[in-house]
Amino acid sequence: MSAVQDGPSSALSHQSSTAMPPPIELTLVVAATRQMGIGKAGTLPWTGLRKEMAYFARVTKRVPASSDPSTKTQNVLIMGRKTWDSIPPNFRPLKDRLNIVISRSHPDHHHHHDADSDDASETTAASVVKLSSLDAVLRYLQARQATTSFSSPAAVKEGQSGIQMGKVFVIGGGEIYAAALRLKEARRVLLTSVQNDFECDTFFPQISEETGWEKQSKEALDAWTGEDVPGGEQEENGTRYEFQMWERK
């Protein structure tokens, strides 16, 4: 899944807390052309990649194997406001994951609240947090990590004191991706490399050996995602693509 341009690129420095919790690790998830194009006029340049979208959903929902089975664990999705707005209302928040939306115009809300849609809030355990910058997101996640859990309305309903934080994904758009890549917390990129040429006006920064990134093997991709990822070139509705994983050297 790819997202399109949005969000602030300011306030990027990571302020460490006095409790010194383990560092947050960011994984960027993106579909991009060979020229790293990811969007056109506020939407995806391609359509009909159902298997690729299903891959995005599975990977971002699957919690780490090391998670405590006695405690609910939930992964985190970080996105800009326009990316959030581009998700059809009946699909947001993206269920079974904590959705964090970055918007300059929105005051920081260091608590969970259900989605604007009553239907969505009733059919998913995911919640939404709205924050004003990527730096605020990191501080928020560090604080939650320091206390080992975060609370949500769904957790309260289920009688749980909180939900363990799993993996943290950045899912767009263009400015949020660029800002995240400048942070030391950005450790890997799950790239769907689209082989067809599409006209784009939004781009993902180049990642290569020269820019400090290293392409990982299929075995490494399988191990990190927890599934047998289809190897080699895939094709859907005439669009060819390959699942890749890049890690910072």
C-alpha atoms as a PDB file:
ATOM      1  CA  MET A   1       0.000   0.000   0.000  1.00  0.00           C
ATOM      2  CA  SER A   2       1.239   3.437  -0.823  1.00  0.00           C
ATOM      3  CA  ALA A   3       0.067   6.796   0.399  1.00  0.00           C
ATOM      4  CA  VAL A   4       0.225  10.261  -1.079  1.00  0.00           C
ATOM      5  CA  GLN A   5       1.673  13.593  -0.064  1.00  0.00           C
ATOM      6  CA  ASP A   6       0.670  15.158   3.207  1.00  0.00           C
ATOM      7  CA  GLY A   7       1.701  16.158   6.672  1.00  0.00           C
ATOM      8  CA  PRO A   8       4.359  18.259   8.358  1.00  0.00           C
ATOM      9  CA  SER A   9       8.084  17.691   8.093  1.00  0.00           C
ATOM     10  CA  SER A  10       9.037  19.877  11.037  1.00  0.00           C
ATOM     11  CA  ALA A  11      10.018  18.959  14.588  1.00  0.00           C
ATOM     12  CA  LEU A  12      11.970  15.875  13.634  1.00  0.00           C
ATOM     13  CA  SER A  13      14.398  15.567  16.503  1.00  0.00           C
ATOM     14  CA  HIS A  14      13.838  12.704  18.904  1.00  0.00           C
ATOM     15  CA  GLN A  15      13.735  13.895  22.474  1.00  0.00           C
ATOM     16  CA  SER A  16      14.704  11.124  24.874  1.00  0.00           C
ATOM     17  CA  SER A  17      12.770  10.738  28.088  1.00  0.00           C
ATOM     18  CA  THR A  18      14.289  10.526  31.531  1.00  0.00           C
ATOM     19  CA  ALA A  19      12.999   6.961  31.858  1.00  0.00           C
ATOM     20  CA  MET A  20      15.092   5.952  28.819  1.00  0.00           C
ATOM     21  CA  PRO A  21      12.695   3.357  27.395  1.00  0.00           C
ATOM     22  CA  PRO A  22      13.893   1.102  24.558  1.00  0.00           C
ATOM     23  CA  PRO A  23      14.168   3.081  21.311  1.00  0.00           C
ATOM     24  CA  ILE A  24      11.199   3.185  18.986  1.00  0.00           C
ATOM     25  CA  GLU A  25      11.851   1.352  15.709  1.00  0.00           C
ATOM     26  CA  LEU A  26      10.065   2.629  12.606  1.00  0.00           C
ATOM     27  CA  THR A  27       9.260   0.512   9.560  1.00  0.00           C
ATOM     28  CA  LEU A  28       8.097   2.385   6.466  1.00  0.00           C
ATOM     29  CA  VAL A  29       5.630   0.588   4.186  1.00  0.00           C
ATOM     30  CA  VAL A  30       5.301   1.887   0.637  1.00  0.00           C
ATOM     31  CA  ALA A  31       4.536   0.898  -2.945  1.00  0.00           C
ATOM     32  CA  ALA A  32       6.607   2.861  -5.458  1.00  0.00           C
ATOM     33  CA  THR A  33       7.625   2.802  -9.100  1.00  0.00           C
ATOM     34  CA  ARG A  34      11.226   2.384 -10.222  1.00  0.00           C
ATOM     35  CA  GLN A  35      11.443   6.191 -10.150  1.00  0.00           C
ATOM     36  CA  MET A  36       9.997   6.015  -6.589  1.00  0.00           C
ATOM     37  CA  GLY A  37       6.682   7.560  -7.607  1.00  0.00           C
ATOM     38  CA  ILE A  38       3.960   6.890  -5.045  1.00  0.00           C
ATOM     39  CA  GLY A  39       1.033   9.163  -5.883  1.00  0.00           C
ATOM     40  CA  LYS A  40      -0.761  11.258  -8.464  1.00  0.00           C
ATOM     41  CA  ALA A  41      -3.285  14.014  -7.711  1.00  0.00           C
ATOM     42  CA  GLY A  42      -3.855  12.784  -4.186  1.00  0.00           C
ATOM     43  CA  THR A  43      -4.464   9.140  -5.012  1.00  0.00           C
ATOM     44  CA  LEU A  44      -2.615   5.990  -6.058  1.00  0.00           C
ATOM     45  CA  PRO A  45      -1.349   5.889  -9.666  1.00  0.00           C
ATOM     46  CA  TRP A  46      -2.457   2.240 -10.046  1.00  0.00           C
ATOM     47  CA  THR A  47      -5.605   0.275  -9.252  1.00  0.00           C
ATOM     48  CA  GLY A  48      -6.645  -3.320  -8.743  1.00  0.00           C
ATOM     49  CA  LEU A  49      -3.711  -4.592  -6.665  1.00  0.00           C
ATOM     50  CA  ARG A  50      -5.873  -6.586  -4.251  1.00  0.00           C
ATOM     51  CA  LYS A  51      -3.170  -9.099  -3.328  1.00  0.00           C
ATOM     52  CA  GLU A  52      -0.714  -6.301  -2.629  1.00  0.00           C
ATOM     53  CA  MET A  53      -3.244  -4.551  -0.414  1.00  0.00           C
ATOM     54  CA  ALA A  54      -3.939  -7.826   1.406  1.00  0.00           C
ATOM     55  CA  TYR A  55      -0.190  -8.183   2.008  1.00  0.00           C
ATOM     56  CA  PHE A  56      -0.135  -4.702   3.557  1.00  0.00           C
ATOM     57  CA  ALA A  57      -3.049  -5.582   5.841  1.00  0.00           C
ATOM     58  CA  ARG A  58      -1.580  -8.892   7.000  1.00  0.00           C
ATOM     59  CA  VAL A  59       1.902  -7.556   7.646  1.00  0.00           C
ATOM     60  CA  THR A  60       0.777  -4.464   9.528  1.00  0.00           C
ATOM     61  CA  LYS A  61      -1.677  -6.456  11.671  1.00  0.00           C
ATOM     62  CA  ARG A  62       0.651  -9.319  12.605  1.00  0.00           C
ATOM     63  CA  VAL A  63       2.200  -8.613  16.003  1.00  0.00           C
ATOM     64  CA  PRO A  64       5.729  -9.715  16.965  1.00  0.00           C
ATOM     65  CA  ALA A  65       6.092 -13.411  17.759  1.00  0.00           C
ATOM     66  CA  SER A  66       7.700 -12.419  21.049  1.00  0.00           C
ATOM     67  CA  SER A  67       4.514 -10.698  22.247  1.00  0.00           C
ATOM     68  CA  ASP A  68       3.070 -11.842  25.573  1.00  0.00           C
ATOM     69  CA  PRO A  69       0.150 -14.128  24.607  1.00  0.00           C
ATOM     70  CA  SER A  70      -1.669 -13.258  27.831  1.00  0.00           C
ATOM     71  CA  THR A  71      -1.808  -9.564  26.894  1.00  0.00           C
ATOM     72  CA  LYS A  72      -3.406  -7.992  23.825  1.00  0.00           C
ATOM     73  CA  THR A  73      -0.784  -6.524  21.493  1.00  0.00           C
ATOM     74  CA  GLN A  74      -1.510  -4.017  18.746  1.00  0.00           C
ATOM     75  CA  ASN A  75       0.705  -2.571  16.038  1.00  0.00           C
ATOM     76  CA  VAL A  76       0.822   1.158  15.287  1.00  0.00           C
ATOM     77  CA  LEU A  77       0.201   2.947  11.971  1.00  0.00           C
ATOM     78  CA  ILE A  78       1.516   6.502  11.571  1.00  0.00           C
ATOM     79  CA  MET A  79       0.094   8.592   8.740  1.00  0.00           C
ATOM     80  CA  GLY A  80      -0.530  12.166   7.666  1.00  0.00           C
ATOM     81  CA  ARG A  81      -3.967  13.750   7.536  1.00  0.00           C
ATOM     82  CA  LYS A  82      -4.375  13.449   3.770  1.00  0.00           C
ATOM     83  CA  THR A  83      -3.489   9.777   3.916  1.00  0.00           C
ATOM     84  CA  TRP A  84      -6.143   9.354   6.604  1.00  0.00           C
ATOM     85  CA  ASP A  85      -8.648  11.291   4.481  1.00  0.00           C
ATOM     86  CA  SER A  86      -7.847   9.099   1.456  1.00  0.00           C
ATOM     87  CA  ILE A  87      -9.006   5.971   3.302  1.00  0.00           C
ATOM     88  CA  PRO A  88     -12.699   5.305   2.604  1.00  0.00           C
ATOM     89  CA  PRO A  89     -14.715   6.256   5.714  1.00  0.00           C
ATOM     90  CA  ASN A  90     -16.099   2.738   6.126  1.00  0.00           C
ATOM     91  CA  PHE A  91     -12.530   1.385   6.336  1.00  0.00           C
ATOM     92  CA  ARG A  92     -11.149   3.829   8.868  1.00  0.00           C
ATOM     93  CA  PRO A  93      -9.682   3.565  11.313  1.00  0.00           C
ATOM     94  CA  LEU A  94      -7.730   0.650   9.841  1.00  0.00           C
ATOM     95  CA  LYS A  95      -8.908  -2.047  12.200  1.00  0.00           C
ATOM     96  CA  ASP A  96      -6.865  -4.001  14.744  1.00  0.00           C
ATOM     97  CA  ARG A  97      -4.135  -1.343  14.708  1.00  0.00           C
ATOM     98  CA  LEU A  98      -3.644   1.948  16.529  1.00  0.00           C
ATOM     99  CA  ASN A  99      -4.033   4.714  13.928  1.00  0.00           C
ATOM    100  CA  ILE A 100      -1.964   7.839  14.617  1.00  0.00           C
ATOM    101  CA  VAL A 101      -2.778  10.814  12.378  1.00  0.00           C
ATOM    102  CA  ILE A 102      -0.355  13.740  12.065  1.00  0.00           C
ATOM    103  CA  SER A 103      -1.953  17.107  11.345  1.00  0.00           C
ATOM    104  CA  ARG A 104      -0.507  20.584  11.885  1.00  0.00           C
ATOM    105  CA  SER A 105      -3.980  22.020  12.424  1.00  0.00           C
ATOM    106  CA  HIS A 106      -4.915  19.536  15.117  1.00  0.00           C
ATOM    107  CA  PRO A 107      -3.868  20.028  18.762  1.00  0.00           C
ATOM    108  CA  ASP A 108      -2.066  17.099  20.327  1.00  0.00           C
ATOM    109  CA  HIS A 109      -4.414  14.580  21.880  1.00  0.00           C
ATOM    110  CA  HIS A 110      -2.444  12.240  24.102  1.00  0.00           C
ATOM    111  CA  HIS A 111      -5.334   9.862  24.484  1.00  0.00           C
ATOM    112  CA  HIS A 112      -7.327   7.456  22.375  1.00  0.00           C
ATOM    113  CA  HIS A 113     -10.719   8.179  20.961  1.00  0.00           C
ATOM    114  CA  ASP A 114     -12.944   6.248  18.627  1.00  0.00           C
ATOM    115  CA  ALA A 115     -13.238   7.103  14.956  1.00  0.00           C
ATOM    116  CA  ASP A 116     -15.611   9.804  13.773  1.00  0.00           C
ATOM    117  CA  SER A 117     -17.796   7.164  12.176  1.00  0.00           C
ATOM    118  CA  ASP A 118     -20.111   5.418  14.630  1.00  0.00           C
ATOM    119  CA  ASP A 119     -20.150   2.363  12.383  1.00  0.00           C
ATOM    120  CA  ALA A 120     -16.367   2.188  12.317  1.00  0.00           C
ATOM    121  CA  SER A 121     -16.024   2.586  16.066  1.00  0.00           C
ATOM    122  CA  GLU A 122     -18.495  -0.216  16.638  1.00  0.00           C
ATOM    123  CA  THR A 123     -16.908  -2.677  14.223  1.00  0.00           C
ATOM    124  CA  THR A 124     -13.216  -2.315  15.035  1.00  0.00           C
ATOM    125  CA  ALA A 125     -11.048  -2.399  18.134  1.00  0.00           C
ATOM    126  CA  ALA A 126      -8.649   0.114  16.588  1.00  0.00           C
ATOM    127  CA  SER A 127      -8.542   3.671  17.919  1.00  0.00           C
ATOM    128  CA  VAL A 128      -7.244   6.985  16.649  1.00  0.00           C
ATOM    129  CA  VAL A 129      -4.744   9.427  18.112  1.00  0.00           C
ATOM    130  CA  LYS A 130      -4.265  12.832  16.469  1.00  0.00           C
ATOM    131  CA  LEU A 131      -0.949  14.626  16.998  1.00  0.00           C
ATOM    132  CA  SER A 132       0.644  17.714  15.470  1.00  0.00           C
ATOM    133  CA  SER A 133       4.102  16.433  14.465  1.00  0.00           C
ATOM    134  CA  LEU A 134       6.242  13.355  14.024  1.00  0.00           C
ATOM    135  CA  ASP A 135       8.268  14.429  17.034  1.00  0.00           C
ATOM    136  CA  ALA A 136       5.067  14.464  19.105  1.00  0.00           C
ATOM    137  CA  VAL A 137       4.296  10.956  17.870  1.00  0.00           C
ATOM    138  CA  LEU A 138       7.679   9.673  19.016  1.00  0.00           C
ATOM    139  CA  ARG A 139       7.257  11.265  22.437  1.00  0.00           C
ATOM    140  CA  TYR A 140       3.775   9.781  22.712  1.00  0.00           C
ATOM    141  CA  LEU A 141       4.991   6.290  21.802  1.00  0.00           C
ATOM    142  CA  GLN A 142       7.983   6.534  24.123  1.00  0.00           C
ATOM    143  CA  ALA A 143       5.713   7.466  26.994  1.00  0.00           C
ATOM    144  CA  ARG A 144       3.427   4.530  26.236  1.00  0.00           C
ATOM    145  CA  GLN A 145       6.405   2.208  25.882  1.00  0.00           C
ATOM    146  CA  ALA A 146       7.818   3.394  29.197  1.00  0.00           C
ATOM    147  CA  THR A 147       4.593   2.309  30.900  1.00  0.00           C
ATOM    148  CA  THR A 148       4.596  -0.911  28.773  1.00  0.00           C
ATOM    149  CA  SER A 149       1.041  -0.395  27.542  1.00  0.00           C
ATOM    150  CA  PHE A 150      -1.530   2.058  26.248  1.00  0.00           C
ATOM    151  CA  SER A 151      -5.193   2.205  27.115  1.00  0.00           C
ATOM    152  CA  SER A 152      -8.055   2.472  24.654  1.00  0.00           C
ATOM    153  CA  PRO A 153     -11.845   2.568  24.842  1.00  0.00           C
ATOM    154  CA  ALA A 154     -11.955  -0.935  23.355  1.00  0.00           C
ATOM    155  CA  ALA A 155      -9.576  -2.197  26.037  1.00  0.00           C
ATOM    156  CA  VAL A 156     -11.706  -0.677  28.760  1.00  0.00           C
ATOM    157  CA  LYS A 157     -14.811  -2.343  27.314  1.00  0.00           C
ATOM    158  CA  GLU A 158     -12.992  -5.688  27.319  1.00  0.00           C
ATOM    159  CA  GLY A 159     -11.875  -5.217  30.901  1.00  0.00           C
ATOM    160  CA  GLN A 160      -8.216  -4.815  29.948  1.00  0.00           C
ATOM    161  CA  SER A 161      -5.943  -2.291  31.623  1.00  0.00           C
ATOM    162  CA  GLY A 162      -4.088  -1.622  28.405  1.00  0.00           C
ATOM    163  CA  ILE A 163      -2.706  -2.919  25.131  1.00  0.00           C
ATOM    164  CA  GLN A 164       0.932  -3.773  24.515  1.00  0.00           C
ATOM    165  CA  MET A 165       2.571  -1.862  21.673  1.00  0.00           C
ATOM    166  CA  GLY A 166       3.831  -4.029  18.826  1.00  0.00           C
ATOM    167  CA  LYS A 167       5.514  -2.918  15.614  1.00  0.00           C
ATOM    168  CA  VAL A 168       5.380   0.707  14.470  1.00  0.00           C
ATOM    169  CA  PHE A 169       4.723   1.409  10.781  1.00  0.00           C
ATOM    170  CA  VAL A 170       4.812   4.656   8.783  1.00  0.00           C
ATOM    171  CA  ILE A 171       2.351   4.504   5.876  1.00  0.00           C
ATOM    172  CA  GLY A 172       2.538   7.958   4.264  1.00  0.00           C
ATOM    173  CA  GLY A 173       2.288  10.371   2.703  1.00  0.00           C
ATOM    174  CA  GLY A 174       5.282  11.867   0.926  1.00  0.00           C
ATOM    175  CA  GLU A 175       6.367  14.424   3.519  1.00  0.00           C
ATOM    176  CA  ILE A 176       5.826  12.024   6.411  1.00  0.00           C
ATOM    177  CA  TYR A 177       7.945   9.400   4.649  1.00  0.00           C
ATOM    178  CA  ALA A 178      10.748  11.904   4.013  1.00  0.00           C
ATOM    179  CA  ALA A 179      10.654  13.139   7.603  1.00  0.00           C
ATOM    180  CA  ALA A 180      10.680   9.610   9.006  1.00  0.00           C
ATOM    181  CA  LEU A 181      13.636   8.547   6.854  1.00  0.00           C
ATOM    182  CA  ARG A 182      15.731  11.325   8.381  1.00  0.00           C
ATOM    183  CA  LEU A 183      15.256   9.825  11.830  1.00  0.00           C
ATOM    184  CA  LYS A 184      17.603   7.248  13.297  1.00  0.00           C
ATOM    185  CA  GLU A 185      14.509   5.340  14.416  1.00  0.00           C
ATOM    186  CA  ALA A 186      13.753   4.442  10.769  1.00  0.00           C
ATOM    187  CA  ARG A 187      15.285   0.978  10.509  1.00  0.00           C
ATOM    188  CA  ARG A 188      13.630  -0.649   7.504  1.00  0.00           C
ATOM    189  CA  VAL A 189      11.464  -0.113   4.441  1.00  0.00           C
ATOM    190  CA  LEU A 190       8.960  -2.675   3.208  1.00  0.00           C
ATOM    191  CA  LEU A 191       8.903  -1.709  -0.462  1.00  0.00           C
ATOM    192  CA  THR A 192       6.527  -2.976  -3.096  1.00  0.00           C
ATOM    193  CA  SER A 193       8.626  -2.170  -6.158  1.00  0.00           C
ATOM    194  CA  VAL A 194       6.211  -1.478  -9.038  1.00  0.00           C
ATOM    195  CA  GLN A 195       7.849  -2.303 -12.366  1.00  0.00           C
ATOM    196  CA  ASN A 196       5.387  -0.489 -14.629  1.00  0.00           C
ATOM    197  CA  ASP A 197       5.776   3.199 -15.390  1.00  0.00           C
ATOM    198  CA  PHE A 198       3.072   5.480 -13.997  1.00  0.00           C
ATOM    199  CA  GLU A 199       2.797   9.262 -14.081  1.00  0.00           C
ATOM    200  CA  CYS A 200       3.356  10.522 -10.530  1.00  0.00           C
ATOM    201  CA  ASP A 201       3.607  13.871  -8.761  1.00  0.00           C
ATOM    202  CA  THR A 202       4.575  12.521  -5.331  1.00  0.00           C
ATOM    203  CA  PHE A 203       7.743  10.574  -4.655  1.00  0.00           C
ATOM    204  CA  PHE A 204       9.435   8.489  -1.984  1.00  0.00           C
ATOM    205  CA  PRO A 205      13.109   9.308  -1.277  1.00  0.00           C
ATOM    206  CA  GLN A 206      15.625   7.124  -3.082  1.00  0.00           C
ATOM    207  CA  ILE A 207      16.906   4.191  -1.026  1.00  0.00           C
ATOM    208  CA  SER A 208      19.999   2.355  -2.216  1.00  0.00           C
ATOM    209  CA  GLU A 209      23.398   1.084  -1.131  1.00  0.00           C
ATOM    210  CA  GLU A 210      24.728   4.586  -1.847  1.00  0.00           C
ATOM    211  CA  THR A 211      22.212   6.187   0.530  1.00  0.00           C
ATOM    212  CA  GLY A 212      22.957   3.798   3.393  1.00  0.00           C
ATOM    213  CA  TRP A 213      20.370   1.083   2.787  1.00  0.00           C
ATOM    214  CA  GLU A 214      20.803  -2.603   2.013  1.00  0.00           C
ATOM    215  CA  LYS A 215      18.322  -4.875   0.240  1.00  0.00           C
ATOM    216  CA  GLN A 216      17.548  -7.967   2.306  1.00  0.00           C
ATOM    217  CA  SER A 217      16.968 -11.541   1.160  1.00  0.00           C
ATOM    218  CA  LYS A 218      13.537 -13.116   0.767  1.00  0.00           C
ATOM    219  CA  GLU A 219      14.379 -15.274   3.784  1.00  0.00           C
ATOM    220  CA  ALA A 220      14.971 -12.166   5.883  1.00  0.00           C
ATOM    221  CA  LEU A 221      11.713 -10.640   4.616  1.00  0.00           C
ATOM    222  CA  ASP A 222       9.828 -13.829   5.484  1.00  0.00           C
ATOM    223  CA  ALA A 223      11.368 -13.951   8.952  1.00  0.00           C
ATOM    224  CA  TRP A 224      10.537 -10.340   9.776  1.00  0.00           C
ATOM    225  CA  THR A 225       6.987 -10.351   8.406  1.00  0.00           C
ATOM    226  CA  GLY A 226       6.173 -13.811   9.750  1.00  0.00           C
ATOM    227  CA  GLU A 227       4.861 -15.146   6.453  1.00  0.00           C
ATOM    228  CA  ASP A 228       5.986 -16.796   3.246  1.00  0.00           C
ATOM    229  CA  VAL A 229       6.064 -13.704   1.047  1.00  0.00           C
ATOM    230  CA  PRO A 230       5.656 -14.440  -2.686  1.00  0.00           C
ATOM    231  CA  GLY A 231       9.098 -14.179  -4.252  1.00  0.00           C
ATOM    232  CA  GLY A 232      10.064 -12.668  -7.570  1.00  0.00           C
ATOM    233  CA  GLU A 233       7.873 -10.628  -9.876  1.00  0.00           C
ATOM    234  CA  GLN A 234       4.124 -10.680  -9.253  1.00  0.00           C
ATOM    235  CA  GLU A 235       1.413  -9.418 -11.614  1.00  0.00           C
ATOM    236  CA  GLU A 236      -2.120  -8.162 -11.020  1.00  0.00           C
ATOM    237  CA  ASN A 237      -4.323  -6.552 -13.655  1.00  0.00           C
ATOM    238  CA  GLY A 238      -1.302  -5.889 -15.858  1.00  0.00           C
ATOM    239  CA  THR A 239       0.771  -4.249 -13.103  1.00  0.00           C
ATOM    240  CA  ARG A 240       4.025  -6.007 -12.229  1.00  0.00           C
ATOM    241  CA  TYR A 241       5.638  -5.648  -8.806  1.00  0.00           C
ATOM    242  CA  GLU A 242       8.026  -7.274  -6.340  1.00  0.00           C
ATOM    243  CA  PHE A 243       7.958  -7.390  -2.533  1.00  0.00           C
ATOM    244  CA  GLN A 244      11.245  -6.179  -1.040  1.00  0.00           C
ATOM    245  CA  MET A 245      12.722  -5.280   2.337  1.00  0.00           C
ATOM    246  CA  TRP A 246      15.515  -2.751   2.831  1.00  0.00           C
ATOM    247  CA  GLU A 247      17.320  -2.144   6.111  1.00  0.00           C
ATOM    248  CA  ARG A 248      19.586   0.653   7.205  1.00  0.00           C
ATOM    249  CA  LYS A 249      23.238  -0.393   7.239  1.00  0.00           C
END
